[in-house]
N, C-alpha and C. Protein backbone atom coordinates (compact mmCIF):
# COMPACT_ATOMS: atom_id res chain seq x y z
N UNK A 1 -2.58 6.39 -1.47
CA UNK A 1 -3.62 6.12 -2.46
C UNK A 1 -3.05 5.20 -3.54
N UNK A 2 -3.90 4.31 -4.01
CA UNK A 2 -3.54 3.37 -5.08
C UNK A 2 -4.34 3.76 -6.32
N UNK A 3 -3.69 3.71 -7.46
CA UNK A 3 -4.35 3.96 -8.74
C UNK A 3 -4.58 2.59 -9.38
N UNK A 4 -5.78 2.35 -9.90
CA UNK A 4 -6.11 1.03 -10.46
C UNK A 4 -6.76 1.17 -11.84
N UNK A 5 -6.54 0.18 -12.67
CA UNK A 5 -7.21 0.14 -13.97
C UNK A 5 -8.71 0.14 -13.77
N UNK A 6 -9.40 1.00 -14.49
CA UNK A 6 -10.85 1.13 -14.37
C UNK A 6 -11.58 -0.19 -14.61
N UNK A 7 -11.10 -0.98 -15.55
CA UNK A 7 -11.78 -2.24 -15.85
C UNK A 7 -11.73 -3.20 -14.67
N UNK A 8 -10.68 -3.12 -13.86
CA UNK A 8 -10.57 -3.98 -12.68
C UNK A 8 -11.55 -3.59 -11.59
N UNK A 9 -12.05 -2.35 -11.65
CA UNK A 9 -13.05 -1.87 -10.69
C UNK A 9 -14.46 -2.15 -11.18
N UNK A 10 -14.58 -2.81 -12.32
CA UNK A 10 -15.89 -3.18 -12.83
C UNK A 10 -16.45 -2.24 -13.88
N UNK A 11 -15.69 -1.24 -14.26
CA UNK A 11 -16.15 -0.31 -15.29
C UNK A 11 -16.00 -0.97 -16.66
N UNK A 12 -17.00 -0.84 -17.50
CA UNK A 12 -17.01 -1.50 -18.82
C UNK A 12 -16.28 -0.65 -19.85
N UNK A 13 -14.94 -0.62 -19.72
CA UNK A 13 -14.11 0.24 -20.57
C UNK A 13 -13.10 -0.54 -21.41
N UNK A 14 -13.11 -1.86 -21.32
CA UNK A 14 -12.18 -2.65 -22.13
C UNK A 14 -12.52 -2.48 -23.61
N UNK A 15 -11.61 -2.85 -24.47
CA UNK A 15 -11.78 -2.67 -25.91
C UNK A 15 -13.11 -3.21 -26.41
N UNK A 16 -13.58 -4.31 -25.80
CA UNK A 16 -14.82 -4.94 -26.27
C UNK A 16 -16.04 -4.53 -25.44
N UNK A 17 -15.90 -3.52 -24.62
CA UNK A 17 -17.02 -3.01 -23.83
C UNK A 17 -17.31 -3.79 -22.56
N UNK A 18 -16.39 -4.64 -22.16
CA UNK A 18 -16.58 -5.43 -20.94
C UNK A 18 -15.70 -4.89 -19.82
N UNK A 19 -15.76 -5.54 -18.67
CA UNK A 19 -14.89 -5.21 -17.54
C UNK A 19 -14.12 -6.46 -17.13
N UNK A 20 -13.23 -6.31 -16.16
CA UNK A 20 -12.49 -7.43 -15.59
C UNK A 20 -12.52 -7.30 -14.07
N UNK A 21 -13.72 -7.21 -13.53
CA UNK A 21 -13.89 -6.92 -12.10
C UNK A 21 -13.05 -7.84 -11.23
N UNK A 22 -12.32 -7.21 -10.33
CA UNK A 22 -11.54 -7.90 -9.31
C UNK A 22 -12.13 -7.46 -7.97
N UNK A 23 -12.59 -8.41 -7.17
CA UNK A 23 -13.29 -8.07 -5.93
C UNK A 23 -12.40 -7.29 -4.95
N UNK A 24 -11.12 -7.61 -4.90
CA UNK A 24 -10.21 -6.87 -4.01
C UNK A 24 -10.12 -5.42 -4.44
N UNK A 25 -10.03 -5.18 -5.74
CA UNK A 25 -9.98 -3.81 -6.26
C UNK A 25 -11.29 -3.09 -5.93
N UNK A 26 -12.42 -3.76 -6.14
CA UNK A 26 -13.71 -3.15 -5.83
C UNK A 26 -13.76 -2.72 -4.37
N UNK A 27 -13.25 -3.57 -3.47
CA UNK A 27 -13.23 -3.24 -2.05
C UNK A 27 -12.33 -2.03 -1.77
N UNK A 28 -11.18 -1.96 -2.43
CA UNK A 28 -10.28 -0.81 -2.24
C UNK A 28 -10.95 0.49 -2.67
N UNK A 29 -11.72 0.43 -3.76
CA UNK A 29 -12.45 1.61 -4.24
C UNK A 29 -13.50 2.01 -3.19
N UNK A 30 -14.26 1.04 -2.72
CA UNK A 30 -15.31 1.32 -1.73
C UNK A 30 -14.75 1.89 -0.44
N UNK A 31 -13.52 1.50 -0.08
CA UNK A 31 -12.87 1.98 1.14
C UNK A 31 -12.12 3.30 0.91
N UNK A 32 -12.27 3.86 -0.28
CA UNK A 32 -11.56 5.10 -0.65
C UNK A 32 -10.05 4.99 -0.53
N UNK A 33 -9.54 3.80 -0.83
CA UNK A 33 -8.09 3.56 -0.82
C UNK A 33 -7.53 3.52 -2.24
N UNK A 34 -8.42 3.55 -3.23
CA UNK A 34 -7.99 3.46 -4.63
C UNK A 34 -8.86 4.36 -5.50
N UNK A 35 -8.26 4.80 -6.60
CA UNK A 35 -8.91 5.64 -7.60
C UNK A 35 -8.67 4.98 -8.96
N UNK A 36 -9.66 5.07 -9.84
CA UNK A 36 -9.55 4.41 -11.14
C UNK A 36 -8.92 5.30 -12.21
N UNK A 37 -8.34 4.61 -13.20
CA UNK A 37 -7.78 5.28 -14.37
C UNK A 37 -7.88 4.31 -15.55
N UNK A 38 -8.20 4.85 -16.72
CA UNK A 38 -8.13 4.06 -17.95
C UNK A 38 -7.26 4.83 -18.94
N UNK A 39 -6.00 4.44 -19.08
CA UNK A 39 -5.10 5.16 -19.98
C UNK A 39 -5.61 5.22 -21.42
N UNK A 40 -6.30 4.19 -21.87
CA UNK A 40 -6.78 4.18 -23.25
C UNK A 40 -7.87 5.23 -23.45
N UNK A 41 -8.78 5.35 -22.50
CA UNK A 41 -9.80 6.41 -22.61
C UNK A 41 -9.14 7.78 -22.51
N UNK A 42 -8.15 7.92 -21.62
CA UNK A 42 -7.44 9.20 -21.50
C UNK A 42 -6.67 9.54 -22.78
N UNK A 43 -6.32 8.51 -23.54
CA UNK A 43 -5.61 8.72 -24.80
C UNK A 43 -6.52 9.08 -25.96
N UNK A 44 -7.84 9.05 -25.72
CA UNK A 44 -8.78 9.46 -26.76
C UNK A 44 -9.59 8.34 -27.38
N UNK A 45 -9.43 7.11 -26.88
CA UNK A 45 -10.21 6.00 -27.42
C UNK A 45 -11.62 6.01 -26.84
N UNK A 46 -12.53 5.35 -27.55
CA UNK A 46 -13.89 5.16 -27.05
C UNK A 46 -14.07 3.67 -26.74
N UNK A 47 -15.22 3.35 -26.19
CA UNK A 47 -15.56 1.95 -25.89
C UNK A 47 -16.87 1.65 -26.59
N UNK A 48 -16.95 0.55 -27.34
CA UNK A 48 -15.87 -0.38 -27.65
C UNK A 48 -14.90 0.21 -28.68
N UNK A 49 -13.79 -0.46 -28.86
CA UNK A 49 -12.78 -0.05 -29.83
C UNK A 49 -12.12 -1.30 -30.40
N UNK A 50 -11.42 -1.10 -31.48
CA UNK A 50 -10.75 -2.22 -32.13
C UNK A 50 -9.59 -2.71 -31.26
N UNK A 51 -9.37 -4.03 -31.18
CA UNK A 51 -8.23 -4.50 -30.42
C UNK A 51 -6.92 -4.02 -31.03
N UNK A 52 -5.93 -3.80 -30.15
CA UNK A 52 -4.62 -3.35 -30.58
C UNK A 52 -3.55 -4.15 -29.86
N UNK A 53 -2.41 -4.29 -30.50
CA UNK A 53 -1.27 -4.97 -29.90
C UNK A 53 0.00 -4.22 -30.27
N UNK A 54 1.03 -4.42 -29.47
CA UNK A 54 2.32 -3.79 -29.75
C UNK A 54 3.07 -4.66 -30.75
N UNK A 55 3.54 -4.00 -31.81
CA UNK A 55 4.28 -4.68 -32.87
C UNK A 55 5.74 -4.24 -32.78
N UNK A 56 6.65 -5.20 -32.70
CA UNK A 56 8.07 -4.88 -32.74
C UNK A 56 8.71 -4.68 -31.38
N UNK A 57 8.08 -5.16 -30.32
CA UNK A 57 8.68 -5.02 -29.00
C UNK A 57 7.62 -4.89 -27.93
N UNK A 58 7.92 -4.08 -26.90
CA UNK A 58 6.97 -3.87 -25.82
C UNK A 58 6.82 -2.37 -25.57
N UNK A 59 6.19 -2.02 -24.46
CA UNK A 59 5.93 -0.62 -24.16
C UNK A 59 7.18 0.22 -24.05
N UNK A 60 8.27 -0.35 -23.53
CA UNK A 60 9.53 0.40 -23.48
C UNK A 60 10.00 0.75 -24.88
N UNK A 61 9.86 -0.21 -25.78
CA UNK A 61 10.26 0.04 -27.18
C UNK A 61 9.36 1.08 -27.83
N UNK A 62 8.08 1.08 -27.49
CA UNK A 62 7.17 2.11 -28.02
C UNK A 62 7.64 3.48 -27.55
N UNK A 63 7.95 3.60 -26.25
CA UNK A 63 8.41 4.88 -25.71
C UNK A 63 9.73 5.33 -26.34
N UNK A 64 10.57 4.34 -26.72
CA UNK A 64 11.85 4.65 -27.36
C UNK A 64 11.71 4.89 -28.86
N UNK A 65 10.50 4.69 -29.41
CA UNK A 65 10.26 4.93 -30.82
C UNK A 65 10.64 3.79 -31.74
N UNK A 66 10.89 2.60 -31.18
CA UNK A 66 11.31 1.47 -32.02
C UNK A 66 10.22 0.40 -32.20
N UNK A 67 9.05 0.61 -31.59
CA UNK A 67 7.91 -0.29 -31.76
C UNK A 67 6.65 0.57 -31.87
N UNK A 68 5.57 -0.03 -32.34
CA UNK A 68 4.32 0.70 -32.53
C UNK A 68 3.15 -0.08 -31.95
N UNK A 69 2.07 0.64 -31.64
CA UNK A 69 0.82 0.00 -31.25
C UNK A 69 -0.10 0.08 -32.46
N UNK A 70 -0.55 -1.07 -32.90
CA UNK A 70 -1.32 -1.18 -34.14
C UNK A 70 -2.64 -1.90 -33.86
N UNK A 71 -3.72 -1.35 -34.43
CA UNK A 71 -5.00 -2.04 -34.31
C UNK A 71 -5.04 -3.21 -35.28
N UNK A 72 -5.95 -4.13 -35.04
CA UNK A 72 -6.06 -5.32 -35.89
C UNK A 72 -6.18 -4.95 -37.37
N UNK A 73 -6.86 -3.84 -37.68
CA UNK A 73 -7.04 -3.42 -39.08
C UNK A 73 -5.78 -2.81 -39.68
N UNK A 74 -4.77 -2.55 -38.85
CA UNK A 74 -3.53 -1.98 -39.34
C UNK A 74 -3.31 -0.51 -39.00
N UNK A 75 -4.30 0.14 -38.40
CA UNK A 75 -4.16 1.56 -38.05
C UNK A 75 -3.17 1.74 -36.91
N UNK A 76 -2.23 2.66 -37.10
CA UNK A 76 -1.22 2.98 -36.09
C UNK A 76 -1.85 3.90 -35.04
N UNK A 77 -1.93 3.42 -33.80
CA UNK A 77 -2.51 4.20 -32.70
C UNK A 77 -1.47 4.48 -31.61
N UNK A 78 -0.21 4.41 -31.98
CA UNK A 78 0.89 4.61 -31.03
C UNK A 78 0.75 5.92 -30.27
N UNK A 79 0.50 7.02 -30.98
CA UNK A 79 0.45 8.33 -30.32
C UNK A 79 -0.65 8.39 -29.27
N UNK A 80 -1.78 7.74 -29.53
CA UNK A 80 -2.88 7.73 -28.57
C UNK A 80 -2.49 6.95 -27.31
N UNK A 81 -1.76 5.87 -27.48
CA UNK A 81 -1.30 5.10 -26.32
C UNK A 81 -0.29 5.89 -25.50
N UNK A 82 0.60 6.60 -26.17
CA UNK A 82 1.58 7.42 -25.45
C UNK A 82 0.87 8.57 -24.73
N UNK A 83 -0.10 9.19 -25.38
CA UNK A 83 -0.87 10.27 -24.76
C UNK A 83 -1.58 9.76 -23.50
N UNK A 84 -2.19 8.60 -23.58
CA UNK A 84 -2.88 8.02 -22.43
C UNK A 84 -1.92 7.68 -21.31
N UNK A 85 -0.75 7.17 -21.66
CA UNK A 85 0.27 6.85 -20.65
C UNK A 85 0.71 8.11 -19.92
N UNK A 86 0.92 9.18 -20.65
CA UNK A 86 1.33 10.43 -20.01
C UNK A 86 0.24 10.98 -19.10
N UNK A 87 -1.01 10.85 -19.51
CA UNK A 87 -2.13 11.31 -18.67
C UNK A 87 -2.22 10.46 -17.39
N UNK A 88 -1.99 9.16 -17.51
CA UNK A 88 -2.01 8.28 -16.34
C UNK A 88 -0.85 8.63 -15.40
N UNK A 89 0.30 8.95 -15.96
CA UNK A 89 1.44 9.37 -15.15
C UNK A 89 1.11 10.65 -14.37
N UNK A 90 0.50 11.61 -15.04
CA UNK A 90 0.10 12.85 -14.36
C UNK A 90 -0.86 12.55 -13.21
N UNK A 91 -1.81 11.67 -13.45
CA UNK A 91 -2.79 11.33 -12.41
C UNK A 91 -2.09 10.63 -11.23
N UNK A 92 -1.19 9.71 -11.52
CA UNK A 92 -0.45 9.02 -10.46
C UNK A 92 0.34 10.01 -9.61
N UNK A 93 0.96 10.98 -10.26
CA UNK A 93 1.73 12.00 -9.53
C UNK A 93 0.81 12.89 -8.70
N UNK A 94 -0.31 13.31 -9.28
CA UNK A 94 -1.26 14.16 -8.55
C UNK A 94 -1.77 13.47 -7.29
N UNK A 95 -2.03 12.18 -7.39
CA UNK A 95 -2.53 11.41 -6.25
C UNK A 95 -1.43 10.97 -5.29
N UNK A 96 -0.17 11.18 -5.72
CA UNK A 96 0.98 10.65 -4.98
C UNK A 96 0.76 9.15 -4.72
N UNK A 97 0.40 8.45 -5.78
CA UNK A 97 0.06 7.03 -5.70
C UNK A 97 1.23 6.22 -5.15
N UNK A 98 0.92 5.37 -4.17
CA UNK A 98 1.95 4.48 -3.61
C UNK A 98 2.19 3.28 -4.53
N UNK A 99 1.18 2.96 -5.33
CA UNK A 99 1.29 1.85 -6.28
C UNK A 99 0.20 2.02 -7.34
N UNK A 100 0.41 1.37 -8.47
CA UNK A 100 -0.58 1.37 -9.55
C UNK A 100 -0.82 -0.09 -9.93
N UNK A 101 -2.10 -0.50 -9.91
CA UNK A 101 -2.48 -1.87 -10.27
C UNK A 101 -3.11 -1.81 -11.65
N UNK A 102 -2.46 -2.43 -12.62
CA UNK A 102 -2.91 -2.37 -14.01
C UNK A 102 -3.29 -3.75 -14.52
N UNK A 103 -4.18 -3.77 -15.52
CA UNK A 103 -4.68 -5.02 -16.11
C UNK A 103 -3.61 -5.70 -16.94
N UNK A 104 -3.26 -6.90 -16.51
CA UNK A 104 -2.23 -7.66 -17.22
C UNK A 104 -2.66 -7.96 -18.66
N UNK A 105 -1.69 -8.06 -19.54
CA UNK A 105 -1.78 -8.42 -20.96
C UNK A 105 -2.18 -7.27 -21.88
N UNK A 106 -2.64 -6.17 -21.35
CA UNK A 106 -3.06 -5.04 -22.17
C UNK A 106 -1.85 -4.35 -22.82
N UNK A 107 -2.01 -3.83 -24.05
CA UNK A 107 -0.91 -3.10 -24.67
C UNK A 107 -0.62 -1.78 -23.95
N UNK A 108 -1.53 -1.35 -23.12
CA UNK A 108 -1.31 -0.17 -22.30
C UNK A 108 -0.86 -0.56 -20.91
N UNK A 109 -1.57 -1.49 -20.29
CA UNK A 109 -1.44 -1.74 -18.86
C UNK A 109 -0.66 -2.98 -18.47
N UNK A 110 -0.35 -3.87 -19.37
CA UNK A 110 0.39 -5.08 -19.00
C UNK A 110 1.68 -4.72 -18.26
N UNK A 111 1.90 -5.35 -17.11
CA UNK A 111 3.10 -5.01 -16.33
C UNK A 111 4.13 -6.13 -16.31
N UNK A 112 3.80 -7.27 -16.87
CA UNK A 112 4.75 -8.37 -16.97
C UNK A 112 4.59 -9.12 -18.29
N UNK A 113 3.33 -9.19 -18.78
CA UNK A 113 3.03 -9.93 -20.00
C UNK A 113 2.10 -9.11 -20.90
N UNK A 114 2.34 -9.19 -22.20
CA UNK A 114 1.48 -8.55 -23.20
C UNK A 114 1.26 -9.54 -24.33
N UNK A 115 0.29 -9.23 -25.19
CA UNK A 115 0.10 -10.06 -26.38
C UNK A 115 1.24 -9.80 -27.36
N UNK A 116 1.58 -10.78 -28.16
CA UNK A 116 2.81 -10.75 -28.96
C UNK A 116 2.77 -9.93 -30.24
N UNK A 117 1.66 -9.29 -30.55
CA UNK A 117 1.62 -8.45 -31.74
C UNK A 117 1.17 -9.15 -32.99
N UNK A 118 0.74 -10.41 -32.87
CA UNK A 118 0.29 -11.18 -34.04
C UNK A 118 -1.22 -11.41 -34.03
N UNK A 119 -1.91 -10.88 -33.03
CA UNK A 119 -3.36 -11.06 -32.89
C UNK A 119 -3.73 -12.55 -32.93
N UNK A 120 -2.91 -13.37 -32.26
CA UNK A 120 -3.12 -14.82 -32.23
C UNK A 120 -3.36 -15.32 -30.81
N UNK A 121 -3.70 -14.42 -29.89
CA UNK A 121 -3.96 -14.77 -28.49
C UNK A 121 -2.74 -15.41 -27.83
N UNK A 122 -1.54 -14.98 -28.24
CA UNK A 122 -0.30 -15.50 -27.67
C UNK A 122 0.39 -14.38 -26.90
N UNK A 123 0.89 -14.71 -25.70
CA UNK A 123 1.48 -13.72 -24.81
C UNK A 123 2.99 -13.86 -24.74
N UNK A 124 3.64 -12.73 -24.48
CA UNK A 124 5.10 -12.69 -24.30
C UNK A 124 5.41 -11.78 -23.11
N UNK A 125 6.59 -11.95 -22.54
CA UNK A 125 7.02 -11.07 -21.45
C UNK A 125 7.20 -9.65 -21.98
N UNK A 126 6.75 -8.68 -21.20
CA UNK A 126 6.93 -7.28 -21.59
C UNK A 126 5.94 -6.38 -20.90
N UNK A 127 6.22 -5.10 -20.95
CA UNK A 127 5.35 -4.08 -20.38
C UNK A 127 4.48 -3.46 -21.44
N UNK A 128 3.27 -3.04 -21.05
CA UNK A 128 2.47 -2.18 -21.90
C UNK A 128 3.04 -0.76 -21.84
N UNK A 129 2.52 0.14 -22.63
CA UNK A 129 3.06 1.50 -22.75
C UNK A 129 2.93 2.25 -21.42
N UNK A 130 1.76 2.23 -20.80
CA UNK A 130 1.57 2.95 -19.54
C UNK A 130 2.43 2.34 -18.44
N UNK A 131 2.43 1.02 -18.34
CA UNK A 131 3.25 0.37 -17.31
C UNK A 131 4.72 0.75 -17.47
N UNK A 132 5.21 0.75 -18.70
CA UNK A 132 6.61 1.10 -18.94
C UNK A 132 6.90 2.54 -18.51
N UNK A 133 6.01 3.46 -18.86
CA UNK A 133 6.25 4.86 -18.51
C UNK A 133 6.22 5.07 -16.99
N UNK A 134 5.25 4.47 -16.32
CA UNK A 134 5.18 4.62 -14.87
C UNK A 134 6.42 4.04 -14.20
N UNK A 135 6.86 2.88 -14.64
CA UNK A 135 8.06 2.26 -14.08
C UNK A 135 9.29 3.13 -14.31
N UNK A 136 9.38 3.75 -15.48
CA UNK A 136 10.51 4.64 -15.76
C UNK A 136 10.57 5.82 -14.80
N UNK A 137 9.42 6.18 -14.26
CA UNK A 137 9.34 7.30 -13.34
C UNK A 137 9.32 6.85 -11.88
N UNK A 138 9.73 5.61 -11.65
CA UNK A 138 9.89 5.11 -10.29
C UNK A 138 8.62 4.75 -9.55
N UNK A 139 7.53 4.59 -10.28
CA UNK A 139 6.25 4.25 -9.65
C UNK A 139 6.10 2.74 -9.64
N UNK A 140 5.69 2.20 -8.49
CA UNK A 140 5.49 0.75 -8.36
C UNK A 140 4.26 0.35 -9.17
N UNK A 141 4.46 -0.57 -10.11
CA UNK A 141 3.39 -1.05 -10.97
C UNK A 141 3.28 -2.56 -10.79
N UNK A 142 2.07 -3.02 -10.52
CA UNK A 142 1.81 -4.45 -10.42
C UNK A 142 0.54 -4.76 -11.20
N UNK A 143 0.31 -6.05 -11.42
CA UNK A 143 -0.94 -6.46 -12.07
C UNK A 143 -1.92 -6.93 -11.01
N UNK A 144 -3.15 -7.18 -11.43
CA UNK A 144 -4.16 -7.71 -10.52
C UNK A 144 -3.74 -9.08 -9.99
N UNK A 145 -2.84 -9.74 -10.70
CA UNK A 145 -2.37 -11.06 -10.28
C UNK A 145 -1.36 -10.96 -9.14
N UNK A 146 -0.90 -9.76 -8.82
CA UNK A 146 0.12 -9.56 -7.79
C UNK A 146 -0.40 -8.75 -6.61
N UNK A 147 -1.70 -8.68 -6.43
CA UNK A 147 -2.28 -7.84 -5.39
C UNK A 147 -1.76 -8.14 -3.99
N UNK A 148 -1.35 -9.36 -3.73
CA UNK A 148 -0.82 -9.70 -2.41
C UNK A 148 0.41 -8.86 -2.07
N UNK A 149 1.13 -8.38 -3.09
CA UNK A 149 2.32 -7.56 -2.85
C UNK A 149 1.97 -6.23 -2.18
N UNK A 150 0.75 -5.76 -2.32
CA UNK A 150 0.37 -4.50 -1.70
C UNK A 150 0.35 -4.62 -0.17
N UNK A 151 0.09 -5.81 0.33
CA UNK A 151 0.09 -6.01 1.77
C UNK A 151 1.49 -6.09 2.35
N UNK A 152 2.47 -6.39 1.50
CA UNK A 152 3.84 -6.54 2.01
C UNK A 152 4.59 -5.24 2.05
């Protein structure tokens, strides 16, 4: 079983109430080969919500306590992101997920690139909080941009 970001399956759960439908993900869901997860909703957020970015590093740094996830208005939402990451980890373990496909650039789900923490639409290399936690536990994490890797 594959665990996938809910927004990639067409669910309108992104911060701005939209989705990021990926047709391959939709097909995996329809074939009962994938199950959806939204770490941010599991962490207690609603939709829509204020945009947030990691300040001072990436998801690994957040887990280590040296960086924070901050909303554009300045509210610290680090604990909610960590809570959501832990819930996603539990779900991945329950499903015995062979891989997790997460939405690139998200402060939760980015698996290679995230926004730089300046709310300027600029990206930097790094993991989101959920991606970092899953990787620390030996779970294969890829983005929707790497779906071809699932076939290999």
